Amino acid sequence: MIVAADPLLSGDIGLVVVLIVLGKAAITLGICLIATMLMIWFERKIISDLQNRIGPNRELKFALESYWRSASTAADLESVGAARSSPDRITQRYTRKSCI
């Protein structure tokens, strides 16, 4: 009988058999955890590609680049910098409520 070939079902359980089963369980758990981590990472990468927005750290960079290319004036650059460091924006950063 094929079922009787398994040492766990035949009743002959030793330390080696228990360690093998625990090792298999640990490997399976590790594979599942890594697979979950990778799936979450890939999902976040795909969703971030769908969002076409410029964050606050990139806003000033783009303003500087356009100023260096002479596509904007110094006043435009100063207005972007002032809007970036306005008291409302700083307060908003620390009092923002999460959108769950």
C-alpha atoms as a PDB file:
ATOM      1  CA  MET A   1       0.000   0.000   0.000  1.00  0.00           C
ATOM      2  CA  ILE A   2       1.400   3.413  -0.950  1.00  0.00           C
ATOM      3  CA  VAL A   3      -0.046   5.168   2.120  1.00  0.00           C
ATOM      4  CA  ALA A   4       1.909   2.865   4.428  1.00  0.00           C
ATOM      5  CA  ALA A   5       5.171   3.943   2.779  1.00  0.00           C
ATOM      6  CA  ASP A   6       4.936   7.299   4.540  1.00  0.00           C
ATOM      7  CA  PRO A   7       6.708   7.019   7.916  1.00  0.00           C
ATOM      8  CA  LEU A   8       4.275   9.456   9.532  1.00  0.00           C
ATOM      9  CA  LEU A   9       1.303   7.249   8.678  1.00  0.00           C
ATOM     10  CA  SER A  10       2.957   3.956   9.505  1.00  0.00           C
ATOM     11  CA  GLY A  11       3.439   4.945  13.142  1.00  0.00           C
ATOM     12  CA  ASP A  12       7.246   4.943  13.081  1.00  0.00           C
ATOM     13  CA  ILE A  13       7.972   8.582  13.884  1.00  0.00           C
ATOM     14  CA  GLY A  14      11.516   9.490  14.812  1.00  0.00           C
ATOM     15  CA  LEU A  15      13.414  12.696  15.338  1.00  0.00           C
ATOM     16  CA  VAL A  16      14.689  12.723  11.762  1.00  0.00           C
ATOM     17  CA  VAL A  17      11.181  12.455  10.359  1.00  0.00           C
ATOM     18  CA  VAL A  18       9.926  15.314  12.559  1.00  0.00           C
ATOM     19  CA  LEU A  19      12.860  17.513  11.521  1.00  0.00           C
ATOM     20  CA  ILE A  20      12.225  16.779   7.845  1.00  0.00           C
ATOM     21  CA  VAL A  21       8.549  17.697   8.202  1.00  0.00           C
ATOM     22  CA  LEU A  22       9.407  20.902  10.095  1.00  0.00           C
ATOM     23  CA  GLY A  23      12.006  21.778   7.459  1.00  0.00           C
ATOM     24  CA  LYS A  24       9.477  21.299   4.679  1.00  0.00           C
ATOM     25  CA  ALA A  25       6.966  23.444   6.554  1.00  0.00           C
ATOM     26  CA  ALA A  26       9.557  26.205   7.077  1.00  0.00           C
ATOM     27  CA  ILE A  27      10.547  26.161   3.406  1.00  0.00           C
ATOM     28  CA  THR A  28       6.889  26.292   2.335  1.00  0.00           C
ATOM     29  CA  LEU A  29       6.204  29.186   4.721  1.00  0.00           C
ATOM     30  CA  GLY A  30       9.273  31.037   3.455  1.00  0.00           C
ATOM     31  CA  ILE A  31       8.236  30.606  -0.176  1.00  0.00           C
ATOM     32  CA  CYS A  32       4.727  31.849   0.622  1.00  0.00           C
ATOM     33  CA  LEU A  33       6.048  34.898   2.472  1.00  0.00           C
ATOM     34  CA  ILE A  34       8.478  35.794  -0.311  1.00  0.00           C
ATOM     35  CA  ALA A  35       5.762  35.307  -2.939  1.00  0.00           C
ATOM     36  CA  THR A  36       3.418  37.601  -0.991  1.00  0.00           C
ATOM     37  CA  MET A  37       6.137  40.227  -0.633  1.00  0.00           C
ATOM     38  CA  LEU A  38       6.899  40.141  -4.359  1.00  0.00           C
ATOM     39  CA  MET A  39       3.214  40.298  -5.320  1.00  0.00           C
ATOM     40  CA  ILE A  40       2.687  43.378  -3.132  1.00  0.00           C
ATOM     41  CA  TRP A  41       5.812  45.014  -4.568  1.00  0.00           C
ATOM     42  CA  PHE A  42       4.769  44.336  -8.183  1.00  0.00           C
ATOM     43  CA  GLU A  43       1.235  45.567  -7.480  1.00  0.00           C
ATOM     44  CA  ARG A  44       2.561  48.822  -6.027  1.00  0.00           C
ATOM     45  CA  LYS A  45       4.878  49.279  -9.022  1.00  0.00           C
ATOM     46  CA  ILE A  46       1.988  48.797 -11.466  1.00  0.00           C
ATOM     47  CA  ILE A  47      -0.341  51.118  -9.556  1.00  0.00           C
ATOM     48  CA  SER A  48       2.367  53.778  -9.277  1.00  0.00           C
ATOM     49  CA  ASP A  49       2.819  53.660 -13.055  1.00  0.00           C
ATOM     50  CA  LEU A  50      -0.903  54.332 -13.450  1.00  0.00           C
ATOM     51  CA  GLN A  51      -0.662  57.512 -11.369  1.00  0.00           C
ATOM     52  CA  ASN A  52       0.779  60.280 -13.479  1.00  0.00           C
ATOM     53  CA  ARG A  53       1.538  62.970 -10.914  1.00  0.00           C
ATOM     54  CA  ILE A  54       4.466  65.069  -9.841  1.00  0.00           C
ATOM     55  CA  GLY A  55       5.209  64.863  -6.139  1.00  0.00           C
ATOM     56  CA  PRO A  56       6.405  67.819  -4.049  1.00  0.00           C
ATOM     57  CA  ASN A  57      10.039  66.742  -4.243  1.00  0.00           C
ATOM     58  CA  ARG A  58       9.955  66.597  -8.047  1.00  0.00           C
ATOM     59  CA  GLU A  59       8.051  69.888  -8.465  1.00  0.00           C
ATOM     60  CA  LEU A  60      11.016  72.046  -7.478  1.00  0.00           C
ATOM     61  CA  LYS A  61      13.391  69.912  -9.557  1.00  0.00           C
ATOM     62  CA  PHE A  62      11.321  70.485 -12.695  1.00  0.00           C
ATOM     63  CA  ALA A  63      11.105  74.203 -11.963  1.00  0.00           C
ATOM     64  CA  LEU A  64      14.895  74.385 -11.624  1.00  0.00           C
ATOM     65  CA  GLU A  65      15.420  72.488 -14.866  1.00  0.00           C
ATOM     66  CA  SER A  66      13.093  74.790 -16.785  1.00  0.00           C
ATOM     67  CA  TYR A  67      14.926  77.804 -15.321  1.00  0.00           C
ATOM     68  CA  TRP A  68      18.291  76.376 -16.393  1.00  0.00           C
ATOM     69  CA  ARG A  69      16.944  75.803 -19.917  1.00  0.00           C
ATOM     70  CA  SER A  70      15.810  79.470 -19.878  1.00  0.00           C
ATOM     71  CA  ALA A  71      12.221  78.324 -20.342  1.00  0.00           C
ATOM     72  CA  SER A  72      11.071  80.217 -17.236  1.00  0.00           C
ATOM     73  CA  THR A  73      12.101  83.306 -15.333  1.00  0.00           C
ATOM     74  CA  ALA A  74      13.577  83.730 -11.881  1.00  0.00           C
ATOM     75  CA  ALA A  75      10.210  84.988 -10.662  1.00  0.00           C
ATOM     76  CA  ASP A  76       8.568  81.726 -11.765  1.00  0.00           C
ATOM     77  CA  LEU A  77      11.223  79.753  -9.914  1.00  0.00           C
ATOM     78  CA  GLU A  78      10.743  81.830  -6.768  1.00  0.00           C
ATOM     79  CA  SER A  79       6.969  81.368  -6.899  1.00  0.00           C
ATOM     80  CA  VAL A  80       7.364  77.585  -7.085  1.00  0.00           C
ATOM     81  CA  GLY A  81       9.811  77.659  -4.173  1.00  0.00           C
ATOM     82  CA  ALA A  82       7.526  79.914  -2.143  1.00  0.00           C
ATOM     83  CA  ALA A  83       4.528  77.674  -2.807  1.00  0.00           C
ATOM     84  CA  ARG A  84       6.600  74.655  -1.821  1.00  0.00           C
ATOM     85  CA  SER A  85       7.607  76.119   1.534  1.00  0.00           C
ATOM     86  CA  SER A  86       4.389  77.950   2.380  1.00  0.00           C
ATOM     87  CA  PRO A  87       3.157  77.584   5.979  1.00  0.00           C
ATOM     88  CA  ASP A  88      -0.067  75.973   4.759  1.00  0.00           C
ATOM     89  CA  ARG A  89       1.838  73.244   2.957  1.00  0.00           C
ATOM     90  CA  ILE A  90       4.087  72.514   5.952  1.00  0.00           C
ATOM     91  CA  THR A  91       1.082  72.393   8.283  1.00  0.00           C
ATOM     92  CA  GLN A  92      -0.772  70.182   5.832  1.00  0.00           C
ATOM     93  CA  ARG A  93       2.125  67.730   5.734  1.00  0.00           C
ATOM     94  CA  TYR A  94       1.987  67.129   9.501  1.00  0.00           C
ATOM     95  CA  THR A  95      -1.778  67.273  10.012  1.00  0.00           C
ATOM     96  CA  ARG A  96      -2.854  65.225   6.987  1.00  0.00           C
ATOM     97  CA  LYS A  97      -5.308  62.477   7.818  1.00  0.00           C
ATOM     98  CA  SER A  98      -4.947  59.139   6.141  1.00  0.00           C
ATOM     99  CA  CYS A  99      -7.450  58.235   3.446  1.00  0.00           C
ATOM    100  CA  ILE A 100      -8.373  54.659   4.159  1.00  0.00           C
END
